[in-house]
Structure formats: structure tokens, C-alpha cells
PDB file of all heavy atoms in Angstrom:
ATOM      1  N   THR A   1     106.438 130.071 153.158  1.00  0.00           N
ATOM      2  CA  THR A   1     106.140 128.674 152.996  1.00  0.00           C
ATOM      3  C   THR A   1     105.588 128.386 151.626  1.00  0.00           C
ATOM      4  O   THR A   1     105.446 129.465 150.887  1.00  0.00           O
ATOM      5  CB  THR A   1     105.175 128.261 154.086  1.00  0.00           C
ATOM      6  OG1 THR A   1     103.813 128.828 153.737  1.00  0.00           O
ATOM      7  CG2 THR A   1     105.565 128.628 155.556  1.00  0.00           C
ATOM      8  N   ASP A   2     105.057 127.247 151.396  1.00  0.00           N
ATOM      9  CA  ASP A   2     104.470 126.894 150.162  1.00  0.00           C
ATOM     10  C   ASP A   2     103.079 127.749 149.941  1.00  0.00           C
ATOM     11  O   ASP A   2     102.748 128.039 148.843  1.00  0.00           O
ATOM     12  CB  ASP A   2     104.161 125.467 149.994  1.00  0.00           C
ATOM     13  CG  ASP A   2     105.318 124.660 149.760  1.00  0.00           C
ATOM     14  OD1 ASP A   2     106.433 125.212 149.336  1.00  0.00           O
ATOM     15  OD2 ASP A   2     105.320 123.421 149.916  1.00  0.00           O
ATOM     16  N   ASN A   3     102.480 128.103 151.096  1.00  0.00           N
ATOM     17  CA  ASN A   3     101.256 128.741 151.027  1.00  0.00           C
ATOM     18  C   ASN A   3     101.172 130.238 151.412  1.00  0.00           C
ATOM     19  O   ASN A   3     100.158 130.901 151.202  1.00  0.00           O
ATOM     20  CB  ASN A   3     100.175 128.071 152.000  1.00  0.00           C
ATOM     21  CG  ASN A   3     100.042 126.561 151.557  1.00  0.00           C
ATOM     22  OD1 ASN A   3     100.711 125.724 152.171  1.00  0.00           O
ATOM     23  ND2 ASN A   3      99.195 126.225 150.612  1.00  0.00           N
ATOM     24  N   ILE A   4     102.152 130.673 152.130  1.00  0.00           N
ATOM     25  CA  ILE A   4     102.257 132.047 152.727  1.00  0.00           C
ATOM     26  C   ILE A   4     103.442 132.863 152.091  1.00  0.00           C
ATOM     27  O   ILE A   4     104.605 132.384 151.845  1.00  0.00           O
ATOM     28  CB  ILE A   4     102.370 131.966 154.263  1.00  0.00           C
ATOM     29  CG1 ILE A   4     101.098 131.351 154.839  1.00  0.00           C
ATOM     30  CG2 ILE A   4     102.477 133.409 154.813  1.00  0.00           C
ATOM     31  CD1 ILE A   4     101.252 130.976 156.368  1.00  0.00           C
ATOM     32  N   ALA A   5     103.187 134.059 151.699  1.00  0.00           N
ATOM     33  CA  ALA A   5     104.197 134.989 151.161  1.00  0.00           C
ATOM     34  C   ALA A   5     104.044 136.379 151.674  1.00  0.00           C
ATOM     35  O   ALA A   5     102.945 136.805 152.010  1.00  0.00           O
ATOM     36  CB  ALA A   5     104.111 134.980 149.611  1.00  0.00           C
ATOM     37  N   ALA A   6     105.196 137.054 151.798  1.00  0.00           N
ATOM     38  CA  ALA A   6     105.261 138.410 152.152  1.00  0.00           C
ATOM     39  C   ALA A   6     105.257 139.325 150.890  1.00  0.00           C
ATOM     40  O   ALA A   6     105.784 138.874 149.901  1.00  0.00           O
ATOM     41  CB  ALA A   6     106.379 138.673 153.114  1.00  0.00           C
ATOM     42  N   LEU A   7     104.589 140.471 150.880  1.00  0.00           N
ATOM     43  CA  LEU A   7     104.518 141.348 149.701  1.00  0.00           C
ATOM     44  C   LEU A   7     105.042 142.717 150.049  1.00  0.00           C
ATOM     45  O   LEU A   7     104.949 143.303 151.123  1.00  0.00           O
ATOM     46  CB  LEU A   7     103.094 141.585 149.327  1.00  0.00           C
ATOM     47  CG  LEU A   7     102.262 140.324 149.276  1.00  0.00           C
ATOM     48  CD1 LEU A   7     100.775 140.616 149.012  1.00  0.00           C
ATOM     49  CD2 LEU A   7     102.768 139.371 148.055  1.00  0.00           C
ATOM     50  N   ALA A   8     105.541 143.360 148.933  1.00  0.00           N
ATOM     51  CA  ALA A   8     105.828 144.791 148.845  1.00  0.00           C
ATOM     52  C   ALA A   8     105.298 145.245 147.652  1.00  0.00           C
ATOM     53  O   ALA A   8     105.594 144.793 146.516  1.00  0.00           O
ATOM     54  CB  ALA A   8     107.313 145.040 149.030  1.00  0.00           C
ATOM     55  N   ASN A   9     104.501 146.344 147.552  1.00  0.00           N
ATOM     56  CA  ASN A   9     103.848 146.929 146.400  1.00  0.00           C
ATOM     57  C   ASN A   9     104.045 148.465 146.270  1.00  0.00           C
ATOM     58  O   ASN A   9     103.893 149.152 147.377  1.00  0.00           O
ATOM     59  CB  ASN A   9     102.362 146.479 146.519  1.00  0.00           C
ATOM     60  CG  ASN A   9     101.567 146.989 145.320  1.00  0.00           C
ATOM     61  OD1 ASN A   9     101.787 146.401 144.158  1.00  0.00           O
ATOM     62  ND2 ASN A   9     100.783 147.967 145.353  1.00  0.00           N
ATOM     63  N   VAL A  10     104.208 148.975 145.092  1.00  0.00           N
ATOM     64  CA  VAL A  10     104.179 150.262 144.886  1.00  0.00           C
ATOM     65  C   VAL A  10     103.547 150.580 143.433  1.00  0.00           C
ATOM     66  O   VAL A  10     103.713 149.850 142.536  1.00  0.00           O
ATOM     67  CB  VAL A  10     105.611 150.924 144.869  1.00  0.00           C
ATOM     68  CG1 VAL A  10     106.507 150.301 143.778  1.00  0.00           C
ATOM     69  CG2 VAL A  10     105.698 152.480 144.900  1.00  0.00           C
ATOM     70  N   GLY A  11     102.781 151.731 143.329  1.00  0.00           N
ATOM     71  CA  GLY A  11     102.024 151.912 142.120  1.00  0.00           C
ATOM     72  C   GLY A  11     101.788 153.384 141.908  1.00  0.00           C
ATOM     73  O   GLY A  11     102.191 154.221 142.699  1.00  0.00           O
ATOM     74  N   VAL A  12     101.051 153.672 140.821  1.00  0.00           N
ATOM     75  CA  VAL A  12     100.553 155.058 140.581  1.00  0.00           C
ATOM     76  C   VAL A  12      99.168 154.938 139.865  1.00  0.00           C
ATOM     77  O   VAL A  12      99.092 153.948 138.995  1.00  0.00           O
ATOM     78  CB  VAL A  12     101.639 155.862 139.830  1.00  0.00           C
ATOM     79  CG1 VAL A  12     101.800 155.187 138.421  1.00  0.00           C
ATOM     80  CG2 VAL A  12     101.133 157.215 139.532  1.00  0.00           C
ATOM     81  N   LEU A  13      98.269 155.736 140.221  1.00  0.00           N
ATOM     82  CA  LEU A  13      96.886 155.760 139.673  1.00  0.00           C
ATOM     83  C   LEU A  13      96.651 157.116 139.149  1.00  0.00           C
ATOM     84  O   LEU A  13      96.770 158.200 139.930  1.00  0.00           O
ATOM     85  CB  LEU A  13      95.866 155.257 140.671  1.00  0.00           C
ATOM     86  CG  LEU A  13      95.855 153.736 140.924  1.00  0.00           C
ATOM     87  CD1 LEU A  13      94.992 153.494 142.229  1.00  0.00           C
ATOM     88  CD2 LEU A  13      95.281 152.944 139.768  1.00  0.00           C
ATOM     89  N   PHE A  14      96.091 157.384 137.912  1.00  0.00           N
ATOM     90  CA  PHE A  14      95.617 158.567 137.543  1.00  0.00           C
ATOM     91  C   PHE A  14      94.064 158.459 137.274  1.00  0.00           C
ATOM     92  O   PHE A  14      93.630 157.615 136.641  1.00  0.00           O
ATOM     93  CB  PHE A  14      96.288 158.922 136.066  1.00  0.00           C
ATOM     94  CG  PHE A  14      97.731 158.960 136.110  1.00  0.00           C
ATOM     95  CD1 PHE A  14      98.587 157.847 135.881  1.00  0.00           C
ATOM     96  CD2 PHE A  14      98.445 160.120 136.457  1.00  0.00           C
ATOM     97  CE1 PHE A  14      99.954 157.908 135.992  1.00  0.00           C
ATOM     98  CE2 PHE A  14      99.852 160.152 136.566  1.00  0.00           C
ATOM     99  CZ  PHE A  14     100.588 158.986 136.247  1.00  0.00           C
ATOM    100  N   TYR A  15      93.443 159.547 137.746  1.00  0.00           N
ATOM    101  CA  TYR A  15      92.035 159.644 137.892  1.00  0.00           C
ATOM    102  C   TYR A  15      91.343 160.511 136.767  1.00  0.00           C
ATOM    103  O   TYR A  15      91.953 161.632 136.624  1.00  0.00           O
ATOM    104  CB  TYR A  15      91.464 159.948 139.255  1.00  0.00           C
ATOM    105  CG  TYR A  15      91.621 158.876 140.282  1.00  0.00           C
ATOM    106  CD1 TYR A  15      92.799 158.742 141.009  1.00  0.00           C
ATOM    107  CD2 TYR A  15      90.678 157.926 140.452  1.00  0.00           C
ATOM    108  CE1 TYR A  15      92.982 157.709 141.799  1.00  0.00           C
ATOM    109  CE2 TYR A  15      90.806 156.879 141.329  1.00  0.00           C
ATOM    110  CZ  TYR A  15      92.045 156.806 142.082  1.00  0.00           C
ATOM    111  OH  TYR A  15      92.222 155.784 142.888  1.00  0.00           O
ATOM    112  N   ALA A  16      90.307 160.148 136.117  1.00  0.00           N
ATOM    113  CA  ALA A  16      89.541 161.014 135.315  1.00  0.00           C
ATOM    114  C   ALA A  16      88.644 161.724 136.242  1.00  0.00           C
ATOM    115  O   ALA A  16      87.976 161.128 137.106  1.00  0.00           O
ATOM    116  CB  ALA A  16      88.760 160.212 134.265  1.00  0.00           C
ATOM    117  N   THR A  17      88.465 163.126 135.937  1.00  0.00           N
ATOM    118  CA  THR A  17      87.531 163.883 136.799  1.00  0.00           C
ATOM    119  C   THR A  17      86.585 164.692 135.863  1.00  0.00           C
ATOM    120  O   THR A  17      86.755 164.706 134.689  1.00  0.00           O
ATOM    121  CB  THR A  17      88.388 164.845 137.639  1.00  0.00           C
ATOM    122  OG1 THR A  17      89.116 165.831 136.636  1.00  0.00           O
ATOM    123  CG2 THR A  17      89.373 164.216 138.472  1.00  0.00           C
ATOM    124  N   GLU A  18      85.626 165.319 136.512  1.00  0.00           N
ATOM    125  CA  GLU A  18      84.677 166.038 135.834  1.00  0.00           C
ATOM    126  C   GLU A  18      85.095 167.374 135.144  1.00  0.00           C
ATOM    127  O   GLU A  18      84.588 167.827 134.160  1.00  0.00           O
ATOM    128  CB  GLU A  18      83.409 166.417 136.860  1.00  0.00           C
ATOM    129  CG  GLU A  18      82.809 165.252 137.360  1.00  0.00           C
ATOM    130  CD  GLU A  18      81.882 164.538 136.337  1.00  0.00           C
ATOM    131  OE1 GLU A  18      81.617 165.072 135.363  1.00  0.00           O
ATOM    132  OE2 GLU A  18      81.488 163.398 136.563  1.00  0.00           O
ATOM    133  N   PHE A  19      86.338 167.893 135.564  1.00  0.00           N
ATOM    134  CA  PHE A  19      86.763 169.192 135.236  1.00  0.00           C
ATOM    135  C   PHE A  19      88.069 168.949 134.582  1.00  0.00           C
ATOM    136  O   PHE A  19      89.040 168.462 135.101  1.00  0.00           O
ATOM    137  CB  PHE A  19      86.876 170.194 136.301  1.00  0.00           C
ATOM    138  CG  PHE A  19      85.465 170.165 137.125  1.00  0.00           C
ATOM    139  CD1 PHE A  19      85.415 169.530 138.325  1.00  0.00           C
ATOM    140  CD2 PHE A  19      84.473 170.946 136.550  1.00  0.00           C
ATOM    141  CE1 PHE A  19      84.130 169.709 139.095  1.00  0.00           C
ATOM    142  CE2 PHE A  19      83.246 171.053 137.325  1.00  0.00           C
ATOM    143  CZ  PHE A  19      83.129 170.406 138.605  1.00  0.00           C
ATOM    144  N   ASP A  20      88.294 169.558 133.403  1.00  0.00           N
ATOM    145  CA  ASP A  20      89.566 169.509 132.680  1.00  0.00           C
ATOM    146  C   ASP A  20      90.767 170.258 133.433  1.00  0.00           C
ATOM    147  O   ASP A  20      91.863 169.813 133.352  1.00  0.00           O
ATOM    148  CB  ASP A  20      89.482 170.148 131.271  1.00  0.00           C
ATOM    149  CG  ASP A  20      88.631 169.419 130.346  1.00  0.00           C
ATOM    150  OD1 ASP A  20      88.382 168.142 130.623  1.00  0.00           O
ATOM    151  OD2 ASP A  20      87.948 169.997 129.458  1.00  0.00           O
ATOM    152  N   GLU A  21      90.386 171.175 134.229  1.00  0.00           N
ATOM    153  CA  GLU A  21      91.430 171.992 134.981  1.00  0.00           C
ATOM    154  C   GLU A  21      91.876 171.264 136.168  1.00  0.00           C
ATOM    155  O   GLU A  21      92.683 171.794 136.812  1.00  0.00           O
ATOM    156  CB  GLU A  21      90.745 173.449 135.310  1.00  0.00           C
ATOM    157  CG  GLU A  21      90.394 174.276 134.162  1.00  0.00           C
ATOM    158  CD  GLU A  21      88.968 173.949 133.737  1.00  0.00           C
ATOM    159  OE1 GLU A  21      88.286 173.133 134.471  1.00  0.00           O
ATOM    160  OE2 GLU A  21      88.511 174.365 132.652  1.00  0.00           O
ATOM    161  N   TYR A  22      91.184 170.171 136.578  1.00  0.00           N
ATOM    162  CA  TYR A  22      91.544 169.535 137.838  1.00  0.00           C
ATOM    163  C   TYR A  22      91.997 168.112 137.560  1.00  0.00           C
ATOM    164  O   TYR A  22      91.528 167.375 136.785  1.00  0.00           O
ATOM    165  CB  TYR A  22      90.283 169.346 138.682  1.00  0.00           C
ATOM    166  CG  TYR A  22      90.454 168.565 139.972  1.00  0.00           C
ATOM    167  CD1 TYR A  22      91.211 169.056 141.050  1.00  0.00           C
ATOM    168  CD2 TYR A  22      89.869 167.330 140.084  1.00  0.00           C
ATOM    169  CE1 TYR A  22      91.303 168.299 142.175  1.00  0.00           C
ATOM    170  CE2 TYR A  22      89.960 166.579 141.243  1.00  0.00           C
ATOM    171  CZ  TYR A  22      90.658 167.049 142.338  1.00  0.00           C
ATOM    172  OH  TYR A  22      90.786 166.357 143.495  1.00  0.00           O
ATOM    173  N   SER A  23      93.172 167.662 138.178  1.00  0.00           N
ATOM    174  CA  SER A  23      93.707 166.346 138.102  1.00  0.00           C
ATOM    175  C   SER A  23      94.092 165.841 139.392  1.00  0.00           C
ATOM    176  O   SER A  23      94.355 166.584 140.362  1.00  0.00           O
ATOM    177  CB  SER A  23      95.063 166.460 137.115  1.00  0.00           C
ATOM    178  OG  SER A  23      96.039 167.208 137.729  1.00  0.00           O
ATOM    179  N   PHE A  24      93.903 164.561 139.502  1.00  0.00           N
ATOM    180  CA  PHE A  24      94.157 163.854 140.827  1.00  0.00           C
ATOM    181  C   PHE A  24      94.861 162.489 140.468  1.00  0.00           C
ATOM    182  O   PHE A  24      94.548 161.736 139.635  1.00  0.00           O
ATOM    183  CB  PHE A  24      92.715 163.558 141.479  1.00  0.00           C
ATOM    184  CG  PHE A  24      92.913 162.892 142.837  1.00  0.00           C
ATOM    185  CD1 PHE A  24      93.204 163.796 143.902  1.00  0.00           C
ATOM    186  CD2 PHE A  24      92.688 161.660 142.984  1.00  0.00           C
ATOM    187  CE1 PHE A  24      93.384 163.189 145.229  1.00  0.00           C
ATOM    188  CE2 PHE A  24      92.758 161.066 144.237  1.00  0.00           C
ATOM    189  CZ  PHE A  24      93.082 161.756 145.360  1.00  0.00           C
ATOM    190  N   MET A  25      95.877 162.213 141.384  1.00  0.00           N
ATOM    191  CA  MET A  25      96.548 160.915 141.245  1.00  0.00           C
ATOM    192  C   MET A  25      97.020 160.398 142.636  1.00  0.00           C
ATOM    193  O   MET A  25      97.075 161.189 143.659  1.00  0.00           O
ATOM    194  CB  MET A  25      97.805 161.158 140.400  1.00  0.00           C
ATOM    195  CG  MET A  25      98.935 161.984 141.159  1.00  0.00           C
ATOM    196  SD  MET A  25     100.417 162.124 140.097  1.00  0.00           S
ATOM    197  CE  MET A  25     101.165 160.666 140.310  1.00  0.00           C
ATOM    198  N   GLN A  26      97.104 159.131 142.782  1.00  0.00           N
ATOM    199  CA  GLN A  26      97.542 158.456 143.984  1.00  0.00           C
ATOM    200  C   GLN A  26      98.695 157.634 143.714  1.00  0.00           C
ATOM    201  O   GLN A  26      98.891 156.925 142.698  1.00  0.00           O
ATOM    202  CB  GLN A  26      96.452 157.587 144.397  1.00  0.00           C
ATOM    203  CG  GLN A  26      95.190 158.452 144.976  1.00  0.00           C
ATOM    204  CD  GLN A  26      94.128 157.413 145.570  1.00  0.00           C
ATOM    205  OE1 GLN A  26      93.797 156.385 144.769  1.00  0.00           O
ATOM    206  NE2 GLN A  26      93.591 157.669 146.640  1.00  0.00           N
ATOM    207  N   ILE A  27      99.609 157.495 144.773  1.00  0.00           N
ATOM    208  CA  ILE A  27     100.822 156.597 144.751  1.00  0.00           C
ATOM    209  C   ILE A  27     100.677 155.759 145.974  1.00  0.00           C
ATOM    210  O   ILE A  27     101.001 156.301 147.091  1.00  0.00           O
ATOM    211  CB  ILE A  27     102.104 157.462 144.654  1.00  0.00           C
ATOM    212  CG1 ILE A  27     102.134 158.447 143.573  1.00  0.00           C
ATOM    213  CG2 ILE A  27     103.226 156.652 144.840  1.00  0.00           C
ATOM    214  CD1 ILE A  27     103.247 159.377 143.521  1.00  0.00           C
ATOM    215  N   PRO A  28     100.256 154.483 145.825  1.00  0.00           N
ATOM    216  CA  PRO A  28     100.257 153.638 146.884  1.00  0.00           C
ATOM    217  C   PRO A  28     101.503 152.930 147.235  1.00  0.00           C
ATOM    218  O   PRO A  28     102.286 152.609 146.180  1.00  0.00           O
ATOM    219  CB  PRO A  28      99.155 152.566 146.502  1.00  0.00           C
ATOM    220  CG  PRO A  28      99.171 152.605 144.912  1.00  0.00           C
ATOM    221  CD  PRO A  28      99.623 154.034 144.536  1.00  0.00           C
ATOM    222  N   ILE A  29     101.957 152.923 148.446  1.00  0.00           N
ATOM    223  CA  ILE A  29     103.130 152.198 148.913  1.00  0.00           C
ATOM    224  C   ILE A  29     102.761 151.300 150.029  1.00  0.00           C
ATOM    225  O   ILE A  29     102.505 151.835 151.165  1.00  0.00           O
ATOM    226  CB  ILE A  29     104.260 153.205 149.297  1.00  0.00           C
ATOM    227  CG1 ILE A  29     104.621 154.101 148.147  1.00  0.00           C
ATOM    228  CG2 ILE A  29     105.473 152.476 149.715  1.00  0.00           C
ATOM    229  CD1 ILE A  29     105.494 155.315 148.651  1.00  0.00           C
ATOM    230  N   GLN A  30     102.773 149.996 149.815  1.00  0.00           N
ATOM    231  CA  GLN A  30     102.153 149.063 150.882  1.00  0.00           C
ATOM    232  C   GLN A  30     103.039 147.835 151.057  1.00  0.00           C
ATOM    233  O   GLN A  30     103.682 147.348 150.066  1.00  0.00           O
ATOM    234  CB  GLN A  30     100.777 148.773 150.572  1.00  0.00           C
ATOM    235  CG  GLN A  30      99.786 149.926 150.506  1.00  0.00           C
ATOM    236  CD  GLN A  30      98.380 149.570 150.071  1.00  0.00           C
ATOM    237  OE1 GLN A  30      98.229 149.101 148.975  1.00  0.00           O
ATOM    238  NE2 GLN A  30      97.426 149.799 150.892  1.00  0.00           N
ATOM    239  N   VAL A  31     102.907 147.188 152.128  1.00  0.00           N
ATOM    240  CA  VAL A  31     103.405 145.816 152.263  1.00  0.00           C
ATOM    241  C   VAL A  31     102.234 144.935 152.846  1.00  0.00           C
ATOM    242  O   VAL A  31     101.284 145.509 153.319  1.00  0.00           O
ATOM    243  CB  VAL A  31     104.534 145.836 153.438  1.00  0.00           C
ATOM    244  CG1 VAL A  31     105.777 146.646 152.800  1.00  0.00           C
ATOM    245  CG2 VAL A  31     104.148 146.404 154.653  1.00  0.00           C
ATOM    246  N   GLY A  32     102.521 143.622 152.835  1.00  0.00           N
ATOM    247  CA  GLY A  32     101.455 142.675 153.306  1.00  0.00           C
ATOM    248  C   GLY A  32     101.808 141.321 153.203  1.00  0.00           C
ATOM    249  O   GLY A  32     102.890 140.963 153.129  1.00  0.00           O
ATOM    250  N   ALA A  33     100.765 140.534 153.039  1.00  0.00           N
ATOM    251  CA  ALA A  33     100.905 139.046 153.021  1.00  0.00           C
ATOM    252  C   ALA A  33      99.869 138.410 152.161  1.00  0.00           C
ATOM    253  O   ALA A  33      98.860 138.934 151.936  1.00  0.00           O
ATOM    254  CB  ALA A  33     100.897 138.477 154.384  1.00  0.00           C
ATOM    255  N   ARG A  34     100.082 137.210 151.630  1.00  0.00           N
ATOM    256  CA  ARG A  34      99.182 136.501 150.873  1.00  0.00           C
ATOM    257  C   ARG A  34      99.158 135.004 151.393  1.00  0.00           C
ATOM    258  O   ARG A  34     100.069 134.493 151.756  1.00  0.00           O
ATOM    259  CB  ARG A  34      99.539 136.399 149.422  1.00  0.00           C
ATOM    260  CG  ARG A  34      99.030 137.514 148.599  1.00  0.00           C
ATOM    261  CD  ARG A  34      99.352 137.389 147.101  1.00  0.00           C
ATOM    262  NE  ARG A  34      98.940 138.552 146.362  1.00  0.00           N
ATOM    263  CZ  ARG A  34      99.361 138.675 145.059  1.00  0.00           C
ATOM    264  NH1 ARG A  34     100.002 137.884 144.439  1.00  0.00           N
ATOM    265  NH2 ARG A  34      98.871 139.783 144.489  1.00  0.00           N
ATOM    266  N   TYR A  35      98.002 134.392 151.393  1.00  0.00           N
ATOM    267  CA  TYR A  35      97.695 133.003 151.586  1.00  0.00           C
ATOM    268  C   TYR A  35      97.203 132.302 150.413  1.00  0.00           C
ATOM    269  O   TYR A  35      96.140 132.655 149.940  1.00  0.00           O
ATOM    270  CB  TYR A  35      96.739 132.770 152.777  1.00  0.00           C
ATOM    271  CG  TYR A  35      96.500 131.363 153.119  1.00  0.00           C
ATOM    272  CD1 TYR A  35      97.583 130.508 153.617  1.00  0.00           C
ATOM    273  CD2 TYR A  35      95.395 130.765 152.637  1.00  0.00           C
ATOM    274  CE1 TYR A  35      97.234 129.173 153.834  1.00  0.00           C
ATOM    275  CE2 TYR A  35      95.129 129.421 152.854  1.00  0.00           C
ATOM    276  CZ  TYR A  35      96.044 128.646 153.512  1.00  0.00           C
ATOM    277  OH  TYR A  35      95.903 127.218 153.694  1.00  0.00           O
TER     278      TYR A  35
END
């Protein structure tokens, strides 16, 4: 409608960590809605 929408989202996040030898990343895959 004019006020309501459905969403599909995908991304990638790279994290800085305390140790050079360690790396961590996340890949979010989500659906949802907005008002």
C-alpha cells in the first residue's frame, strides 16, 4: 500500500578483531516489512 512494503535484504559484514590471525564475517539474508 502507500504505507506498507515487503522487504528482501542480503548483505555482508567484515569485523575488525583484536588478533591479526583471526577474521570474522557475517552474511545476513532476511525478509521483512516496513511501515
